[in-house]
Amino acid sequence: MRSVCTIPVRQATTSMLVLAGLLAWTAPVRAQGFGIGARLAWVKPDVDADVGSVRFVGGQMRLVSQRFGLEVALDRHSESFELLNQKVTETPIQASILMRLASGRVAPFLLGGPGWYRRKVEALDSAGDLSVSTTEFGWHAGAGLEILAGRHLGFHGDYRYTFLDFHGNKDGGFIGGLLPGHRGSMWTLGATVYF
């Protein structure tokens, strides 16, 4: 089995340490809540072809305070292509810092962080283990809304741009040069049970 990883270990370690440091610095211990939940995601690549969204199923863990939080999410999508004799499985893992813009039962939030996007292609009918696995690294950012249905249950939805490109768009003029580009986007809807 061949595996390709396109993220330097140093970059991944630095990203996670910065996330953990920011969360520890901003969140008082008495106001934290831990939650586990399920979610659906609709992912759309940013391509010129007319391609629809692909649905992913997954879950998330959240550690939140009154203002800031950390979310780690894992989604999965698998599809078989009989004519090509292939099964493609995609598994994105995203770590996000959440910043709540308001407190109360209805709270808008901003989010962003690193993501690792794994894709595995394997043969359907094969005597041996014929598979290729790749992992890409990319940043994501977006905004969402969480509605607390009670003390221990929250529903959320958000929109995220994935694979942000901070190198600037040279042809987009002054404003286009300031805004990051992206290679896709995703909608997520989920529910979290807080303990």
Protein backbone atom coordinates (compact mmCIF):
# COMPACT_ATOMS: atom_id res chain seq x y z
CA MET A 1 0.00 0.00 0.00
CA ARG A 2 1.37 3.38 -1.02
CA SER A 3 0.82 6.41 1.23
CA VAL A 4 1.59 10.05 0.50
CA CYS A 5 1.52 12.76 3.17
CA THR A 6 1.79 16.35 1.94
CA ILE A 7 2.04 18.14 5.32
CA PRO A 8 5.30 18.70 7.13
CA VAL A 9 5.23 17.34 10.68
CA ARG A 10 6.61 20.59 12.02
CA GLN A 11 3.74 22.59 10.51
CA ALA A 12 1.11 20.23 11.96
CA THR A 13 2.70 20.25 15.41
CA THR A 14 2.96 24.04 15.44
CA SER A 15 -0.70 24.38 14.43
CA MET A 16 -1.94 22.09 17.18
CA LEU A 17 0.23 23.75 19.86
CA VAL A 18 -1.05 27.20 18.86
CA LEU A 19 -4.66 25.94 19.03
CA ALA A 20 -4.13 24.38 22.47
CA GLY A 21 -2.33 27.47 23.78
CA LEU A 22 -5.03 29.85 22.64
CA LEU A 23 -7.74 27.70 24.15
CA ALA A 24 -5.94 27.33 27.48
CA TRP A 25 -5.19 31.06 27.63
CA THR A 26 -8.73 32.27 26.90
CA ALA A 27 -11.03 29.75 28.59
CA PRO A 28 -11.59 29.84 32.33
CA VAL A 29 -11.86 26.33 33.76
CA ARG A 30 -15.16 26.93 35.57
CA ALA A 31 -17.03 27.83 32.35
CA GLN A 32 -15.97 24.92 30.17
CA GLY A 33 -18.30 22.31 28.77
CA PHE A 34 -17.45 19.10 26.97
CA GLY A 35 -19.73 17.74 24.26
CA ILE A 36 -19.94 14.87 21.79
CA GLY A 37 -22.21 14.87 18.79
CA ALA A 38 -23.08 13.72 15.30
CA ARG A 39 -23.18 15.74 12.11
CA LEU A 40 -23.87 15.73 8.39
CA ALA A 41 -21.67 17.65 5.95
CA TRP A 42 -22.21 18.57 2.33
CA VAL A 43 -18.90 19.16 0.56
CA LYS A 44 -18.60 20.95 -2.78
CA PRO A 45 -15.28 21.28 -4.61
CA ASP A 46 -14.45 24.62 -6.22
CA VAL A 47 -14.18 23.42 -9.83
CA ASP A 48 -15.47 24.75 -13.15
CA ALA A 49 -17.43 21.56 -13.87
CA ASP A 50 -21.06 21.28 -12.75
CA VAL A 51 -20.48 18.97 -9.79
CA GLY A 52 -23.03 18.53 -7.00
CA SER A 53 -22.36 18.34 -3.29
CA VAL A 54 -21.26 15.08 -1.69
CA ARG A 55 -22.77 14.11 1.68
CA PHE A 56 -20.47 13.04 4.51
CA VAL A 57 -21.51 11.53 7.86
CA GLY A 58 -19.43 12.12 10.95
CA GLY A 59 -19.10 13.33 14.48
CA GLN A 60 -17.44 15.97 16.58
CA MET A 61 -16.10 16.63 20.06
CA ARG A 62 -16.36 20.14 21.45
CA LEU A 63 -14.71 21.80 24.44
CA VAL A 64 -16.31 25.23 24.85
CA SER A 65 -16.35 28.15 27.23
CA GLN A 66 -18.55 31.22 27.20
CA ARG A 67 -16.50 32.86 24.44
CA PHE A 68 -14.04 30.39 22.88
CA GLY A 69 -13.97 26.71 22.11
CA LEU A 70 -12.20 23.90 20.35
CA GLU A 71 -13.87 21.44 17.99
CA VAL A 72 -12.38 18.28 16.51
CA ALA A 73 -14.49 16.73 13.75
CA LEU A 74 -14.16 13.58 11.66
CA ASP A 75 -16.36 12.89 8.61
CA ARG A 76 -16.49 9.96 6.20
CA HIS A 77 -17.76 9.29 2.70
CA SER A 78 -17.33 6.11 0.67
CA GLU A 79 -18.38 5.49 -2.91
CA SER A 80 -17.87 2.54 -5.28
CA PHE A 81 -17.35 2.87 -9.03
CA GLU A 82 -18.05 -0.54 -10.59
CA LEU A 83 -16.91 0.43 -14.12
CA LEU A 84 -13.56 1.64 -12.83
CA ASN A 85 -13.25 -1.22 -10.30
CA GLN A 86 -12.57 1.34 -7.55
CA LYS A 87 -13.81 2.23 -4.12
CA VAL A 88 -13.00 5.77 -2.97
CA THR A 89 -13.13 6.62 0.73
CA GLU A 90 -12.62 10.19 1.94
CA THR A 91 -12.02 11.02 5.61
CA PRO A 92 -11.45 14.67 6.52
CA ILE A 93 -10.35 15.50 10.07
CA GLN A 94 -10.66 19.15 11.11
CA ALA A 95 -9.57 20.93 14.29
CA SER A 96 -11.28 24.30 14.72
CA ILE A 97 -11.10 27.18 17.14
CA LEU A 98 -14.62 28.52 17.77
CA MET A 99 -15.20 32.13 18.76
CA ARG A 100 -18.74 32.88 19.94
CA LEU A 101 -19.93 36.34 18.97
CA ALA A 102 -22.79 36.39 21.50
CA SER A 103 -23.91 34.50 24.55
CA GLY A 104 -27.32 33.02 25.19
CA ARG A 105 -29.47 30.31 23.65
CA VAL A 106 -28.78 31.50 20.09
CA ALA A 107 -25.08 32.17 19.51
CA PRO A 108 -23.40 32.97 16.19
CA PHE A 109 -19.74 31.94 15.97
CA LEU A 110 -16.66 32.14 13.78
CA LEU A 111 -14.40 29.15 13.29
CA GLY A 112 -11.11 28.26 11.68
CA GLY A 113 -8.18 25.91 11.90
CA PRO A 114 -6.20 23.15 10.23
CA GLY A 115 -7.59 20.11 8.46
CA TRP A 116 -6.18 16.81 7.25
CA TYR A 117 -8.01 15.34 4.27
CA ARG A 118 -7.38 11.64 3.63
CA ARG A 119 -8.43 9.88 0.44
CA LYS A 120 -8.03 6.15 -0.12
CA VAL A 121 -8.61 4.50 -3.50
CA GLU A 122 -8.72 0.71 -3.55
CA ALA A 123 -9.58 -1.96 -6.09
CA LEU A 124 -12.96 -3.68 -5.69
CA ASP A 125 -12.00 -7.03 -7.25
CA SER A 126 -8.38 -7.83 -6.59
CA ALA A 127 -6.41 -10.77 -5.24
CA GLY A 128 -3.88 -8.51 -3.50
CA ASP A 129 -4.06 -5.33 -1.48
CA LEU A 130 -4.12 -2.74 -4.25
CA SER A 131 -4.76 0.66 -2.69
CA VAL A 132 -3.37 4.19 -2.77
CA SER A 133 -3.78 6.54 0.15
CA THR A 134 -3.05 10.28 0.18
CA THR A 135 -3.35 12.91 2.89
CA GLU A 136 -3.51 16.63 2.18
CA PHE A 137 -3.25 19.49 4.66
CA GLY A 138 -5.34 22.64 4.37
CA TRP A 139 -6.74 25.48 6.42
CA HIS A 140 -10.45 26.15 6.78
CA ALA A 141 -12.54 29.07 8.05
CA GLY A 142 -16.20 29.92 8.29
CA ALA A 143 -19.16 31.07 10.34
CA GLY A 144 -22.08 29.34 12.00
CA LEU A 145 -24.92 29.45 14.47
CA GLU A 146 -25.54 27.29 17.55
CA ILE A 147 -28.97 27.01 19.16
CA LEU A 148 -29.04 25.58 22.68
CA ALA A 149 -32.22 23.55 23.17
CA GLY A 150 -31.45 23.07 26.85
CA ARG A 151 -28.58 22.92 29.27
CA HIS A 152 -27.13 19.76 27.70
CA LEU A 153 -28.21 19.85 24.02
CA GLY A 154 -27.15 22.14 21.19
CA PHE A 155 -27.87 22.20 17.44
CA HIS A 156 -25.47 23.93 15.09
CA GLY A 157 -24.98 24.72 11.44
CA ASP A 158 -22.04 26.34 9.72
CA TYR A 159 -20.48 27.13 6.36
CA ARG A 160 -16.75 26.58 5.88
CA TYR A 161 -14.30 27.39 3.12
CA THR A 162 -11.73 24.60 2.81
CA PHE A 163 -8.17 24.53 1.51
CA LEU A 164 -7.65 28.26 2.01
CA ASP A 165 -4.84 29.75 -0.07
CA PHE A 166 -3.12 32.72 1.58
CA HIS A 167 -0.65 33.35 -1.22
CA GLY A 168 -2.91 36.05 -2.71
CA ASN A 169 -4.66 36.35 -6.03
CA LYS A 170 -2.39 38.40 -8.27
CA ASP A 171 -5.11 38.94 -10.89
CA GLY A 172 -7.88 39.95 -8.46
CA GLY A 173 -6.75 43.55 -7.94
CA PHE A 174 -6.16 45.10 -4.54
CA ILE A 175 -9.13 43.48 -2.76
CA GLY A 176 -8.57 40.10 -4.46
CA GLY A 177 -4.97 40.17 -3.25
CA LEU A 178 -6.10 40.59 0.37
CA LEU A 179 -8.70 37.81 0.42
CA PRO A 180 -7.64 34.15 0.52
CA GLY A 181 -8.59 31.77 -2.26
CA HIS A 182 -10.10 28.34 -1.62
CA ARG A 183 -10.54 24.94 -3.27
CA GLY A 184 -13.92 24.01 -1.85
CA SER A 185 -16.59 24.59 0.75
CA MET A 186 -18.85 22.65 3.06
CA TRP A 187 -22.12 23.04 4.93
CA THR A 188 -22.45 21.17 8.22
CA LEU A 189 -25.47 20.48 10.42
CA GLY A 190 -25.09 18.73 13.75
CA ALA A 191 -26.24 18.13 17.28
CA THR A 192 -24.04 18.02 20.38
CA VAL A 193 -24.77 16.61 23.83
CA TYR A 194 -22.88 18.58 26.50
CA PHE A 195 -21.85 17.04 29.84
